[in-house]
Amino acid sequence: TEHSWCVEWLGAKKQLSAWHKDQETLLHKDKPLKVGVFLELQK
């Protein structure tokens, strides 16, 4: 939805994607062992 932003890993597809507004962006990266999230509200 327009109300959320995320990165997602689906093991069945073996792919990492970024999602917002139901739009998928394939990231072509390996599965992260840990995900860091940096939220900069002023920017």
All heavy atoms as atom14 arrays in JSON, in Angstrom:
{
  "sequence": "TEHSWCVEWLGAKKQLSAWHKDQETLLHKDKPLKVGVFLELQK",
  "atom14_mask": [
    [1, 1, 1, 1, 1, 1, 1, 0, 0, 0, 0, 0, 0, 0],
    [1, 1, 1, 1, 1, 1, 1, 1, 1, 0, 0, 0, 0, 0],
    [1, 1, 1, 1, 1, 1, 1, 1, 1, 1, 0, 0, 0, 0],
    [1, 1, 1, 1, 1, 1, 0, 0, 0, 0, 0, 0, 0, 0],
    [1, 1, 1, 1, 1, 1, 1, 1, 1, 1, 1, 1, 1, 1],
    [1, 1, 1, 1, 1, 1, 0, 0, 0, 0, 0, 0, 0, 0],
    [1, 1, 1, 1, 1, 1, 1, 0, 0, 0, 0, 0, 0, 0],
    [1, 1, 1, 1, 1, 1, 1, 1, 1, 0, 0, 0, 0, 0],
    [1, 1, 1, 1, 1, 1, 1, 1, 1, 1, 1, 1, 1, 1],
    [1, 1, 1, 1, 1, 1, 1, 1, 0, 0, 0, 0, 0, 0],
    [1, 1, 1, 1, 0, 0, 0, 0, 0, 0, 0, 0, 0, 0],
    [1, 1, 1, 1, 1, 0, 0, 0, 0, 0, 0, 0, 0, 0],
    [1, 1, 1, 1, 1, 1, 1, 1, 1, 0, 0, 0, 0, 0],
    [1, 1, 1, 1, 1, 1, 1, 1, 1, 0, 0, 0, 0, 0],
    [1, 1, 1, 1, 1, 1, 1, 1, 1, 0, 0, 0, 0, 0],
    [1, 1, 1, 1, 1, 1, 1, 1, 0, 0, 0, 0, 0, 0],
    [1, 1, 1, 1, 1, 1, 0, 0, 0, 0, 0, 0, 0, 0],
    [1, 1, 1, 1, 1, 0, 0, 0, 0, 0, 0, 0, 0, 0],
    [1, 1, 1, 1, 1, 1, 1, 1, 1, 1, 1, 1, 1, 1],
    [1, 1, 1, 1, 1, 1, 1, 1, 1, 1, 0, 0, 0, 0],
    [1, 1, 1, 1, 1, 1, 1, 1, 1, 0, 0, 0, 0, 0],
    [1, 1, 1, 1, 1, 1, 1, 1, 0, 0, 0, 0, 0, 0],
    [1, 1, 1, 1, 1, 1, 1, 1, 1, 0, 0, 0, 0, 0],
    [1, 1, 1, 1, 1, 1, 1, 1, 1, 0, 0, 0, 0, 0],
    [1, 1, 1, 1, 1, 1, 1, 0, 0, 0, 0, 0, 0, 0],
    [1, 1, 1, 1, 1, 1, 1, 1, 0, 0, 0, 0, 0, 0],
    [1, 1, 1, 1, 1, 1, 1, 1, 0, 0, 0, 0, 0, 0],
    [1, 1, 1, 1, 1, 1, 1, 1, 1, 1, 0, 0, 0, 0],
    [1, 1, 1, 1, 1, 1, 1, 1, 1, 0, 0, 0, 0, 0],
    [1, 1, 1, 1, 1, 1, 1, 1, 0, 0, 0, 0, 0, 0],
    [1, 1, 1, 1, 1, 1, 1, 1, 1, 0, 0, 0, 0, 0],
    [1, 1, 1, 1, 1, 1, 1, 0, 0, 0, 0, 0, 0, 0],
    [1, 1, 1, 1, 1, 1, 1, 1, 0, 0, 0, 0, 0, 0],
    [1, 1, 1, 1, 1, 1, 1, 1, 1, 0, 0, 0, 0, 0],
    [1, 1, 1, 1, 1, 1, 1, 0, 0, 0, 0, 0, 0, 0],
    [1, 1, 1, 1, 0, 0, 0, 0, 0, 0, 0, 0, 0, 0],
    [1, 1, 1, 1, 1, 1, 1, 0, 0, 0, 0, 0, 0, 0],
    [1, 1, 1, 1, 1, 1, 1, 1, 1, 1, 1, 0, 0, 0],
    [1, 1, 1, 1, 1, 1, 1, 1, 0, 0, 0, 0, 0, 0],
    [1, 1, 1, 1, 1, 1, 1, 1, 1, 0, 0, 0, 0, 0],
    [1, 1, 1, 1, 1, 1, 1, 1, 0, 0, 0, 0, 0, 0],
    [1, 1, 1, 1, 1, 1, 1, 1, 1, 0, 0, 0, 0, 0],
    [1, 1, 1, 1, 1, 1, 1, 1, 1, 0, 0, 0, 0, 0]
  ],
  "atom14_positions": [
    [[0.84, -1.19, 0.0], [0.0, 0.0, 0.0], [0.88, 1.24, 0.0], [2.1, 1.15, 0.16], [-0.89, 0.06, 1.26], [-0.07, 0.37, 2.39], [-1.62, -1.24, 1.51], [0.0, 0.0, 0.0], [0.0, 0.0, 0.0], [0.0, 0.0, 0.0], [0.0, 0.0, 0.0], [0.0, 0.0, 0.0], [0.0, 0.0, 0.0], [0.0, 0.0, 0.0]],
    [[0.26, 2.4, -0.15], [1.0, 3.66, -0.07], [1.39, 3.98, 1.37], [2.14, 4.92, 1.61], [0.16, 4.8, -0.65], [-1.11, 5.07, 0.13], [-1.96, 6.16, -0.49], [-1.42, 7.24, -0.78], [-3.16, 5.91, -0.7], [0.0, 0.0, 0.0], [0.0, 0.0, 0.0], [0.0, 0.0, 0.0], [0.0, 0.0, 0.0], [0.0, 0.0, 0.0]],
    [[0.94, 3.19, 2.33], [1.17, 3.45, 3.74], [2.33, 2.65, 4.33], [2.5, 2.64, 5.56], [-0.09, 3.16, 4.55], [-1.3, 3.87, 4.03], [-1.38, 5.24, 3.95], [-2.47, 3.4, 3.54], [-2.55, 5.59, 3.44], [-3.22, 4.49, 3.18], [0.0, 0.0, 0.0], [0.0, 0.0, 0.0], [0.0, 0.0, 0.0], [0.0, 0.0, 0.0]],
    [[3.12, 1.96, 3.51], [4.23, 1.16, 4.04], [5.34, 0.98, 3.01], [5.11, 1.04, 1.8], [3.71, -0.21, 4.51], [3.17, -0.95, 3.45], [0.0, 0.0, 0.0], [0.0, 0.0, 0.0], [0.0, 0.0, 0.0], [0.0, 0.0, 0.0], [0.0, 0.0, 0.0], [0.0, 0.0, 0.0], [0.0, 0.0, 0.0], [0.0, 0.0, 0.0]],
    [[6.55, 0.72, 3.54], [7.76, 0.55, 2.74], [8.54, -0.6, 3.36], [8.63, -0.7, 4.58], [8.63, 1.8, 2.79], [7.96, 3.04, 2.29], [8.16, 3.62, 1.07], [7.01, 3.87, 2.95], [7.38, 4.76, 0.95], [6.67, 4.93, 2.1], [6.39, 3.82, 4.2], [5.76, 5.92, 2.44], [5.48, 4.81, 4.55], [5.17, 5.85, 3.67]],
    [[9.11, -1.49, 2.54], [9.84, -2.63, 3.13], [10.82, -3.25, 2.15], [10.78, -2.99, 0.94], [8.86, -3.7, 3.61], [8.07, -4.65, 2.29], [0.0, 0.0, 0.0], [0.0, 0.0, 0.0], [0.0, 0.0, 0.0], [0.0, 0.0, 0.0], [0.0, 0.0, 0.0], [0.0, 0.0, 0.0], [0.0, 0.0, 0.0], [0.0, 0.0, 0.0]],
    [[11.7, -4.08, 2.7], [12.45, -5.05, 1.91], [11.95, -6.42, 2.34], [11.54, -6.62, 3.49], [13.99, -4.94, 2.09], [14.5, -3.64, 1.51], [14.42, -5.11, 3.51], [0.0, 0.0, 0.0], [0.0, 0.0, 0.0], [0.0, 0.0, 0.0], [0.0, 0.0, 0.0], [0.0, 0.0, 0.0], [0.0, 0.0, 0.0], [0.0, 0.0, 0.0]],
    [[11.97, -7.34, 1.39], [11.35, -8.65, 1.61], [12.2, -9.74, 1.0], [12.73, -9.58, -0.1], [9.96, -8.62, 0.98], [9.21, -9.92, 1.02], [7.85, -9.8, 0.35], [6.98, -9.09, 0.88], [7.68, -10.4, -0.73], [0.0, 0.0, 0.0], [0.0, 0.0, 0.0], [0.0, 0.0, 0.0], [0.0, 0.0, 0.0], [0.0, 0.0, 0.0]],
    [[12.3, -10.86, 1.71], [12.96, -12.06, 1.2], [11.92, -13.18, 1.19], [11.26, -13.44, 2.19], [14.13, -12.47, 2.09], [14.69, -13.81, 1.7], [14.38, -15.02, 2.25], [15.63, -14.07, 0.68], [15.08, -16.02, 1.61], [15.87, -15.46, 0.64], [16.32, -13.26, -0.24], [16.74, -16.06, -0.24], [17.19, -13.85, -1.13], [17.4, -15.24, -1.12]],
    [[11.78, -13.8, 0.03], [10.93, -14.99, -0.07], [11.79, -16.16, -0.48], [12.32, -16.19, -1.59], [9.79, -14.78, -1.07], [8.53, -14.16, -0.48], [7.44, -14.03, -1.52], [8.02, -14.97, 0.7], [0.0, 0.0, 0.0], [0.0, 0.0, 0.0], [0.0, 0.0, 0.0], [0.0, 0.0, 0.0], [0.0, 0.0, 0.0], [0.0, 0.0, 0.0]],
    [[11.95, -17.11, 0.44], [12.81, -18.26, 0.19], [12.4, -19.09, -1.01], [13.23, -19.6, -1.73], [0.0, 0.0, 0.0], [0.0, 0.0, 0.0], [0.0, 0.0, 0.0], [0.0, 0.0, 0.0], [0.0, 0.0, 0.0], [0.0, 0.0, 0.0], [0.0, 0.0, 0.0], [0.0, 0.0, 0.0], [0.0, 0.0, 0.0], [0.0, 0.0, 0.0]],
    [[11.08, -19.2, -1.24], [10.6, -20.0, -2.38], [11.11, -19.4, -3.69], [11.46, -20.11, -4.62], [9.08, -20.06, -2.37], [0.0, 0.0, 0.0], [0.0, 0.0, 0.0], [0.0, 0.0, 0.0], [0.0, 0.0, 0.0], [0.0, 0.0, 0.0], [0.0, 0.0, 0.0], [0.0, 0.0, 0.0], [0.0, 0.0, 0.0], [0.0, 0.0, 0.0]],
    [[11.12, -18.08, -3.77], [11.61, -17.4, -4.98], [13.1, -17.14, -4.93], [13.7, -16.81, -5.94], [10.89, -16.05, -5.13], [9.42, -16.15, -5.42], [8.88, -14.73, -5.62], [7.42, -14.74, -5.98], [6.91, -13.37, -6.15], [0.0, 0.0, 0.0], [0.0, 0.0, 0.0], [0.0, 0.0, 0.0], [0.0, 0.0, 0.0], [0.0, 0.0, 0.0]],
    [[13.7, -17.27, -3.75], [15.13, -17.01, -3.55], [15.5, -15.62, -4.08], [16.45, -15.46, -4.84], [15.99, -18.08, -4.22], [15.73, -19.47, -3.74], [16.57, -19.81, -2.53], [16.54, -21.26, -2.19], [15.59, -21.65, -1.2], [0.0, 0.0, 0.0], [0.0, 0.0, 0.0], [0.0, 0.0, 0.0], [0.0, 0.0, 0.0], [0.0, 0.0, 0.0]],
    [[14.71, -14.61, -3.66], [15.02, -13.27, -4.14], [14.72, -12.22, -3.08], [13.84, -12.4, -2.24], [14.27, -12.94, -5.42], [12.77, -12.82, -5.26], [12.07, -12.62, -6.59], [12.53, -13.06, -7.62], [10.94, -11.95, -6.57], [0.0, 0.0, 0.0], [0.0, 0.0, 0.0], [0.0, 0.0, 0.0], [0.0, 0.0, 0.0], [0.0, 0.0, 0.0]],
    [[15.48, -11.15, -3.15], [15.3, -10.01, -2.27], [14.66, -8.89, -3.08], [15.1, -8.6, -4.2], [16.66, -9.56, -1.73], [16.66, -8.49, -0.65], [16.04, -9.03, 0.63], [18.07, -8.01, -0.39], [0.0, 0.0, 0.0], [0.0, 0.0, 0.0], [0.0, 0.0, 0.0], [0.0, 0.0, 0.0], [0.0, 0.0, 0.0], [0.0, 0.0, 0.0]],
    [[13.62, -8.28, -2.51], [12.9, -7.22, -3.21], [12.62, -6.07, -2.26], [12.55, -6.25, -1.04], [11.55, -7.73, -3.72], [11.7, -8.82, -4.59], [0.0, 0.0, 0.0], [0.0, 0.0, 0.0], [0.0, 0.0, 0.0], [0.0, 0.0, 0.0], [0.0, 0.0, 0.0], [0.0, 0.0, 0.0], [0.0, 0.0, 0.0], [0.0, 0.0, 0.0]],
    [[12.42, -4.89, -2.84], [11.92, -3.74, -2.11], [10.49, -3.5, -2.59], [10.2, -3.66, -3.78], [12.79, -2.52, -2.38], [0.0, 0.0, 0.0], [0.0, 0.0, 0.0], [0.0, 0.0, 0.0], [0.0, 0.0, 0.0], [0.0, 0.0, 0.0], [0.0, 0.0, 0.0], [0.0, 0.0, 0.0], [0.0, 0.0, 0.0], [0.0, 0.0, 0.0]],
    [[9.59, -3.1, -1.67], [8.19, -2.94, -2.0], [7.63, -1.63, -1.46], [7.9, -1.26, -0.31], [7.35, -4.06, -1.39], [7.48, -5.39, -2.05], [8.39, -6.36, -1.78], [6.64, -5.91, -3.08], [8.17, -7.45, -2.57], [7.09, -7.21, -3.38], [5.53, -5.41, -3.77], [6.49, -8.01, -4.33], [4.94, -6.21, -4.73], [5.41, -7.49, -5.0]],
    [[6.84, -0.95, -2.28], [6.03, 0.2, -1.87], [4.93, 0.38, -2.91], [5.17, 0.23, -4.11], [6.88, 1.47, -1.78], [6.08, 2.71, -1.48], [5.31, 2.83, -0.34], [5.91, 3.86, -2.17], [4.72, 4.02, -0.36], [5.06, 4.65, -1.45], [0.0, 0.0, 0.0], [0.0, 0.0, 0.0], [0.0, 0.0, 0.0], [0.0, 0.0, 0.0]],
    [[3.7, 0.66, -2.46], [2.53, 0.82, -3.34], [2.33, -0.38, -4.25], [1.96, -0.24, -5.41], [2.66, 2.08, -4.19], [2.5, 3.37, -3.44], [2.5, 4.52, -4.42], [2.29, 5.84, -3.74], [2.34, 6.95, -4.71], [0.0, 0.0, 0.0], [0.0, 0.0, 0.0], [0.0, 0.0, 0.0], [0.0, 0.0, 0.0], [0.0, 0.0, 0.0]],
    [[2.64, -1.57, -3.75], [2.5, -2.81, -4.5], [3.43, -2.87, -5.72], [3.19, -3.61, -6.65], [1.04, -3.05, -4.92], [0.72, -4.53, -5.04], [1.44, -5.36, -4.44], [-0.23, -4.88, -5.77], [0.0, 0.0, 0.0], [0.0, 0.0, 0.0], [0.0, 0.0, 0.0], [0.0, 0.0, 0.0], [0.0, 0.0, 0.0], [0.0, 0.0, 0.0]],
    [[4.48, -2.06, -5.69], [5.49, -2.06, -6.75], [6.74, -2.78, -6.24], [7.32, -2.37, -5.23], [5.86, -0.63, -7.16], [4.7, 0.16, -7.72], [4.32, -0.29, -9.12], [5.17, -0.51, -9.97], [3.03, -0.42, -9.35], [0.0, 0.0, 0.0], [0.0, 0.0, 0.0], [0.0, 0.0, 0.0], [0.0, 0.0, 0.0], [0.0, 0.0, 0.0]],
    [[7.14, -3.82, -6.93], [8.31, -4.6, -6.53], [9.54, -4.13, -7.3], [9.5, -3.96, -8.52], [8.07, -6.09, -6.81], [9.24, -6.97, -6.42], [8.99, -8.43, -6.71], [8.17, -8.75, -7.6], [9.62, -9.27, -6.05], [0.0, 0.0, 0.0], [0.0, 0.0, 0.0], [0.0, 0.0, 0.0], [0.0, 0.0, 0.0], [0.0, 0.0, 0.0]],
    [[10.64, -3.95, -6.56], [11.94, -3.66, -7.15], [12.87, -4.8, -6.77], [13.18, -4.97, -5.58], [12.51, -2.32, -6.63], [11.59, -1.28, -6.92], [13.86, -2.02, -7.28], [0.0, 0.0, 0.0], [0.0, 0.0, 0.0], [0.0, 0.0, 0.0], [0.0, 0.0, 0.0], [0.0, 0.0, 0.0], [0.0, 0.0, 0.0], [0.0, 0.0, 0.0]],
    [[13.3, -5.61, -7.74], [14.24, -6.7, -7.45], [15.59, -6.09, -7.09], [16.08, -5.19, -7.78], [14.37, -7.63, -8.64], [13.14, -8.46, -8.97], [13.37, -9.3, -10.21], [12.76, -9.35, -7.8], [0.0, 0.0, 0.0], [0.0, 0.0, 0.0], [0.0, 0.0, 0.0], [0.0, 0.0, 0.0], [0.0, 0.0, 0.0], [0.0, 0.0, 0.0]],
    [[16.21, -6.6, -6.02], [17.46, -6.01, -5.54], [18.71, -6.77, -5.97], [19.81, -6.27, -5.82], [17.41, -5.86, -4.02], [16.27, -4.96, -3.52], [16.29, -4.88, -2.01], [16.36, -3.57, -4.14], [0.0, 0.0, 0.0], [0.0, 0.0, 0.0], [0.0, 0.0, 0.0], [0.0, 0.0, 0.0], [0.0, 0.0, 0.0], [0.0, 0.0, 0.0]],
    [[18.58, -7.98, -6.48], [19.72, -8.76, -6.98], [20.85, -8.82, -5.97], [22.01, -8.6, -6.3], [20.21, -8.21, -8.33], [19.12, -8.11, -9.35], [18.56, -9.22, -9.93], [18.47, -7.04, -9.86], [17.6, -8.84, -10.77], [17.53, -7.52, -10.74], [0.0, 0.0, 0.0], [0.0, 0.0, 0.0], [0.0, 0.0, 0.0], [0.0, 0.0, 0.0]],
    [[20.5, -9.11, -4.72], [21.47, -9.24, -3.63], [21.22, -10.57, -2.94], [20.14, -11.16, -3.02], [21.29, -8.12, -2.6], [21.32, -6.73, -3.14], [22.71, -6.19, -3.22], [22.66, -4.72, -3.61], [23.91, -4.16, -3.89], [0.0, 0.0, 0.0], [0.0, 0.0, 0.0], [0.0, 0.0, 0.0], [0.0, 0.0, 0.0], [0.0, 0.0, 0.0]],
    [[22.24, -11.05, -2.23], [22.08, -12.27, -1.45], [21.2, -12.01, -0.24], [21.0, -10.86, 0.18], [23.45, -12.77, -0.96], [24.31, -13.27, -2.11], [23.74, -13.72, -3.14], [25.54, -13.2, -2.0], [0.0, 0.0, 0.0], [0.0, 0.0, 0.0], [0.0, 0.0, 0.0], [0.0, 0.0, 0.0], [0.0, 0.0, 0.0], [0.0, 0.0, 0.0]],
    [[20.7, -13.08, 0.33], [19.86, -12.97, 1.53], [20.68, -12.36, 2.67], [21.72, -12.88, 3.03], [19.35, -14.35, 1.93], [18.52, -14.34, 3.18], [18.14, -15.75, 3.59], [17.4, -15.73, 4.91], [17.18, -17.09, 5.41], [0.0, 0.0, 0.0], [0.0, 0.0, 0.0], [0.0, 0.0, 0.0], [0.0, 0.0, 0.0], [0.0, 0.0, 0.0]],
    [[20.2, -11.27, 3.25], [20.91, -10.68, 4.39], [20.75, -11.55, 5.65], [19.69, -12.14, 5.87], [20.21, -9.33, 4.61], [19.3, -9.13, 3.44], [19.06, -10.47, 2.83], [0.0, 0.0, 0.0], [0.0, 0.0, 0.0], [0.0, 0.0, 0.0], [0.0, 0.0, 0.0], [0.0, 0.0, 0.0], [0.0, 0.0, 0.0], [0.0, 0.0, 0.0]],
    [[21.8, -11.61, 6.45], [21.72, -12.31, 7.73], [21.07, -11.42, 8.78], [20.47, -11.89, 9.74], [23.11, -12.72, 8.2], [23.89, -13.62, 7.24], [25.25, -13.94, 7.79], [23.09, -14.89, 6.95], [0.0, 0.0, 0.0], [0.0, 0.0, 0.0], [0.0, 0.0, 0.0], [0.0, 0.0, 0.0], [0.0, 0.0, 0.0], [0.0, 0.0, 0.0]],
    [[21.21, -10.11, 8.56], [20.63, -9.11, 9.45], [20.31, -7.89, 8.59], [21.09, -7.53, 7.71], [21.64, -8.74, 10.54], [21.1, -7.88, 11.64], [22.19, -7.41, 12.6], [22.9, -8.55, 13.28], [23.88, -8.04, 14.28], [0.0, 0.0, 0.0], [0.0, 0.0, 0.0], [0.0, 0.0, 0.0], [0.0, 0.0, 0.0], [0.0, 0.0, 0.0]],
    [[19.15, -7.28, 8.83], [18.75, -6.08, 8.09], [18.77, -4.89, 9.04], [18.17, -4.93, 10.11], [17.34, -6.25, 7.48], [16.86, -4.95, 6.84], [17.34, -7.38, 6.46], [0.0, 0.0, 0.0], [0.0, 0.0, 0.0], [0.0, 0.0, 0.0], [0.0, 0.0, 0.0], [0.0, 0.0, 0.0], [0.0, 0.0, 0.0], [0.0, 0.0, 0.0]],
    [[19.48, -3.84, 8.63], [19.47, -2.58, 9.35], [18.51, -1.62, 8.67], [18.48, -1.55, 7.43], [0.0, 0.0, 0.0], [0.0, 0.0, 0.0], [0.0, 0.0, 0.0], [0.0, 0.0, 0.0], [0.0, 0.0, 0.0], [0.0, 0.0, 0.0], [0.0, 0.0, 0.0], [0.0, 0.0, 0.0], [0.0, 0.0, 0.0], [0.0, 0.0, 0.0]],
    [[17.74, -0.9, 9.45], [16.78, 0.08, 8.93], [17.16, 1.45, 9.48], [17.27, 1.61, 10.7], [15.33, -0.27, 9.35], [14.35, 0.72, 8.73], [14.98, -1.7, 8.97], [0.0, 0.0, 0.0], [0.0, 0.0, 0.0], [0.0, 0.0, 0.0], [0.0, 0.0, 0.0], [0.0, 0.0, 0.0], [0.0, 0.0, 0.0], [0.0, 0.0, 0.0]],
    [[17.38, 2.42, 8.58], [17.75, 3.77, 8.98], [16.67, 4.72, 8.49], [16.52, 4.93, 7.28], [19.12, 4.14, 8.42], [19.65, 5.45, 8.91], [19.56, 5.82, 10.24], [20.25, 6.32, 8.03], [20.06, 7.03, 10.7], [20.76, 7.54, 8.47], [20.67, 7.89, 9.81], [0.0, 0.0, 0.0], [0.0, 0.0, 0.0], [0.0, 0.0, 0.0]],
    [[15.91, 5.27, 9.42], [14.81, 6.17, 9.12], [15.25, 7.6, 9.4], [15.57, 7.94, 10.54], [13.61, 5.78, 10.01], [12.32, 6.58, 9.87], [11.76, 6.5, 8.46], [11.3, 6.1, 10.89], [0.0, 0.0, 0.0], [0.0, 0.0, 0.0], [0.0, 0.0, 0.0], [0.0, 0.0, 0.0], [0.0, 0.0, 0.0], [0.0, 0.0, 0.0]],
    [[15.31, 8.42, 8.35], [15.71, 9.83, 8.49], [14.5, 10.69, 8.13], [14.24, 10.96, 6.96], [16.87, 10.15, 7.55], [18.16, 9.45, 7.91], [19.28, 9.83, 6.95], [19.37, 9.17, 5.89], [20.02, 10.77, 7.25], [0.0, 0.0, 0.0], [0.0, 0.0, 0.0], [0.0, 0.0, 0.0], [0.0, 0.0, 0.0], [0.0, 0.0, 0.0]],
    [[13.79, 11.12, 9.15], [12.52, 11.81, 8.91], [12.69, 13.21, 8.36], [11.85, 13.67, 7.58], [11.67, 11.78, 10.17], [11.18, 10.37, 10.47], [10.77, 10.21, 11.91], [10.05, 9.99, 9.54], [0.0, 0.0, 0.0], [0.0, 0.0, 0.0], [0.0, 0.0, 0.0], [0.0, 0.0, 0.0], [0.0, 0.0, 0.0], [0.0, 0.0, 0.0]],
    [[13.76, 13.91, 8.71], [13.97, 15.24, 8.15], [14.25, 15.17, 6.65], [13.76, 15.98, 5.87], [15.12, 15.95, 8.87], [15.27, 17.41, 8.45], [16.28, 18.15, 9.31], [16.79, 17.63, 10.29], [16.56, 19.38, 8.93], [0.0, 0.0, 0.0], [0.0, 0.0, 0.0], [0.0, 0.0, 0.0], [0.0, 0.0, 0.0], [0.0, 0.0, 0.0]],
    [[15.01, 14.16, 6.25], [15.3, 13.95, 4.82], [14.16, 13.23, 4.11], [14.18, 13.09, 2.89], [16.58, 13.14, 4.65], [17.83, 13.88, 5.0], [19.03, 13.0, 4.69], [20.34, 13.71, 4.94], [21.5, 12.85, 4.63], [0.0, 0.0, 0.0], [0.0, 0.0, 0.0], [0.0, 0.0, 0.0], [0.0, 0.0, 0.0], [0.0, 0.0, 0.0]]
  ]
}
